[in-house]
Amino acid sequence: MTTSDSTPSKAETFDKLAYTFCKAALVIVIARRYALPVASGLAAVFYLLTAYCQKKETHCFLKKPILIAGIWAVTCGVSLYLMFRNSPHP
């Protein structure tokens, strides 16, 4: 329940944080070693879709969806590169 001035209560704030970490943990459990490229790649895709739908600002402190998508895309690419650079080729 929120207060009358529509600021979230401490319980709601903690609930949102817990839910965020719950989602992150689920991705890690499912993706295991691929968790970073999967999560960052999906974040990039969804921020691009956010920009495509004409949303100019997000909840992220960086605000601009294109900027955030670019950062997560680079993170995804670098993590995949580092993961596979020493892999033997079949």
C-alpha atoms as a PDB file:
ATOM      1  CA  MET A   1       0.000   0.000   0.000  1.00  0.00           C
ATOM      2  CA  THR A   2       1.282   3.459  -0.787  1.00  0.00           C
ATOM      3  CA  THR A   3       0.950   6.627   1.210  1.00  0.00           C
ATOM      4  CA  SER A   4      -1.444   9.371   0.178  1.00  0.00           C
ATOM      5  CA  ASP A   5       1.246  11.291  -1.748  1.00  0.00           C
ATOM      6  CA  SER A   6       1.859   8.165  -3.861  1.00  0.00           C
ATOM      7  CA  THR A   7       5.406   7.510  -2.672  1.00  0.00           C
ATOM      8  CA  PRO A   8       6.050   3.815  -2.205  1.00  0.00           C
ATOM      9  CA  SER A   9       6.295   2.476   1.330  1.00  0.00           C
ATOM     10  CA  LYS A  10       9.505   0.848   2.552  1.00  0.00           C
ATOM     11  CA  ALA A  11       7.851  -2.540   2.159  1.00  0.00           C
ATOM     12  CA  GLU A  12       6.995  -1.808  -1.507  1.00  0.00           C
ATOM     13  CA  THR A  13      10.512  -0.549  -2.158  1.00  0.00           C
ATOM     14  CA  PHE A  14      12.041  -3.688  -0.656  1.00  0.00           C
ATOM     15  CA  ASP A  15       9.526  -5.833  -2.533  1.00  0.00           C
ATOM     16  CA  LYS A  16      10.531  -4.251  -5.860  1.00  0.00           C
ATOM     17  CA  LEU A  17      14.219  -4.778  -5.089  1.00  0.00           C
ATOM     18  CA  ALA A  18      13.601  -8.368  -4.044  1.00  0.00           C
ATOM     19  CA  TYR A  19      11.603  -9.021  -7.218  1.00  0.00           C
ATOM     20  CA  THR A  20      14.387  -7.556  -9.351  1.00  0.00           C
ATOM     21  CA  PHE A  21      16.978  -9.827  -7.755  1.00  0.00           C
ATOM     22  CA  CYS A  22      14.567 -12.758  -8.001  1.00  0.00           C
ATOM     23  CA  LYS A  23      14.355 -12.250 -11.768  1.00  0.00           C
ATOM     24  CA  ALA A  24      18.129 -11.945 -12.029  1.00  0.00           C
ATOM     25  CA  ALA A  25      18.638 -15.100  -9.986  1.00  0.00           C
ATOM     26  CA  LEU A  26      16.188 -16.999 -12.181  1.00  0.00           C
ATOM     27  CA  VAL A  27      18.125 -16.000 -15.307  1.00  0.00           C
ATOM     28  CA  ILE A  28      21.350 -17.155 -13.637  1.00  0.00           C
ATOM     29  CA  VAL A  29      19.812 -20.499 -12.632  1.00  0.00           C
ATOM     30  CA  ILE A  30      18.509 -21.112 -16.149  1.00  0.00           C
ATOM     31  CA  ALA A  31      21.439 -19.740 -18.147  1.00  0.00           C
ATOM     32  CA  ARG A  32      24.320 -20.605 -15.781  1.00  0.00           C
ATOM     33  CA  ARG A  33      27.586 -19.608 -17.439  1.00  0.00           C
ATOM     34  CA  TYR A  34      25.735 -17.728 -20.168  1.00  0.00           C
ATOM     35  CA  ALA A  35      23.836 -15.552 -17.665  1.00  0.00           C
ATOM     36  CA  LEU A  36      25.679 -12.300 -18.430  1.00  0.00           C
ATOM     37  CA  PRO A  37      25.391 -12.463 -22.223  1.00  0.00           C
ATOM     38  CA  VAL A  38      21.772 -13.670 -22.010  1.00  0.00           C
ATOM     39  CA  ALA A  39      20.688 -10.991 -19.527  1.00  0.00           C
ATOM     40  CA  SER A  40      22.628  -8.170 -21.205  1.00  0.00           C
ATOM     41  CA  GLY A  41      21.501  -9.244 -24.675  1.00  0.00           C
ATOM     42  CA  LEU A  42      17.859  -9.342 -23.618  1.00  0.00           C
ATOM     43  CA  ALA A  43      18.219  -5.985 -21.868  1.00  0.00           C
ATOM     44  CA  ALA A  44      19.624  -4.505 -25.091  1.00  0.00           C
ATOM     45  CA  VAL A  45      16.754  -5.953 -27.154  1.00  0.00           C
ATOM     46  CA  PHE A  46      14.073  -4.715 -24.773  1.00  0.00           C
ATOM     47  CA  TYR A  47      15.607  -1.235 -24.525  1.00  0.00           C
ATOM     48  CA  LEU A  48      15.724  -1.098 -28.335  1.00  0.00           C
ATOM     49  CA  LEU A  49      12.047  -2.069 -28.395  1.00  0.00           C
ATOM     50  CA  THR A  50      11.396   0.645 -25.831  1.00  0.00           C
ATOM     51  CA  ALA A  51      13.059   3.193 -28.123  1.00  0.00           C
ATOM     52  CA  TYR A  52      11.204   1.806 -31.155  1.00  0.00           C
ATOM     53  CA  CYS A  53       7.923   2.411 -29.308  1.00  0.00           C
ATOM     54  CA  GLN A  54       8.908   6.098 -29.002  1.00  0.00           C
ATOM     55  CA  LYS A  55       9.607   6.099 -25.248  1.00  0.00           C
ATOM     56  CA  LYS A  56      12.171   8.819 -24.594  1.00  0.00           C
ATOM     57  CA  GLU A  57      13.095   8.106 -20.950  1.00  0.00           C
ATOM     58  CA  THR A  58      13.297   5.006 -18.780  1.00  0.00           C
ATOM     59  CA  HIS A  59      13.549   4.153 -15.089  1.00  0.00           C
ATOM     60  CA  CYS A  60      17.281   3.565 -15.492  1.00  0.00           C
ATOM     61  CA  PHE A  61      19.520   6.363 -14.228  1.00  0.00           C
ATOM     62  CA  LEU A  62      20.943   6.732 -17.753  1.00  0.00           C
ATOM     63  CA  LYS A  63      17.411   7.591 -18.976  1.00  0.00           C
ATOM     64  CA  LYS A  64      17.934   7.213 -22.766  1.00  0.00           C
ATOM     65  CA  PRO A  65      16.875   3.756 -24.042  1.00  0.00           C
ATOM     66  CA  ILE A  66      19.244   3.833 -27.050  1.00  0.00           C
ATOM     67  CA  LEU A  67      22.222   4.637 -24.817  1.00  0.00           C
ATOM     68  CA  ILE A  68      21.296   1.857 -22.381  1.00  0.00           C
ATOM     69  CA  ALA A  69      20.748  -0.617 -25.233  1.00  0.00           C
ATOM     70  CA  GLY A  70      24.182   0.222 -26.619  1.00  0.00           C
ATOM     71  CA  ILE A  71      25.893  -0.327 -23.281  1.00  0.00           C
ATOM     72  CA  TRP A  72      24.162  -3.685 -22.777  1.00  0.00           C
ATOM     73  CA  ALA A  73      24.890  -4.750 -26.353  1.00  0.00           C
ATOM     74  CA  VAL A  74      28.591  -4.017 -25.857  1.00  0.00           C
ATOM     75  CA  THR A  75      28.508  -5.881 -22.538  1.00  0.00           C
ATOM     76  CA  CYS A  76      26.913  -8.863 -24.266  1.00  0.00           C
ATOM     77  CA  GLY A  77      29.433  -8.820 -27.110  1.00  0.00           C
ATOM     78  CA  VAL A  78      32.460  -8.503 -24.842  1.00  0.00           C
ATOM     79  CA  SER A  79      31.253 -11.257 -22.533  1.00  0.00           C
ATOM     80  CA  LEU A  80      30.657 -13.603 -25.488  1.00  0.00           C
ATOM     81  CA  TYR A  81      34.059 -12.755 -26.931  1.00  0.00           C
ATOM     82  CA  LEU A  82      35.812 -13.432 -23.635  1.00  0.00           C
ATOM     83  CA  MET A  83      33.863 -16.641 -23.181  1.00  0.00           C
ATOM     84  CA  PHE A  84      34.629 -18.087 -26.614  1.00  0.00           C
ATOM     85  CA  ARG A  85      38.022 -16.606 -27.579  1.00  0.00           C
ATOM     86  CA  ASN A  86      39.949 -19.607 -26.309  1.00  0.00           C
ATOM     87  CA  SER A  87      37.382 -22.237 -27.237  1.00  0.00           C
ATOM     88  CA  PRO A  88      38.667 -24.965 -29.562  1.00  0.00           C
ATOM     89  CA  HIS A  89      37.040 -24.861 -32.960  1.00  0.00           C
ATOM     90  CA  PRO A  90      35.388 -28.100 -34.132  1.00  0.00           C
END
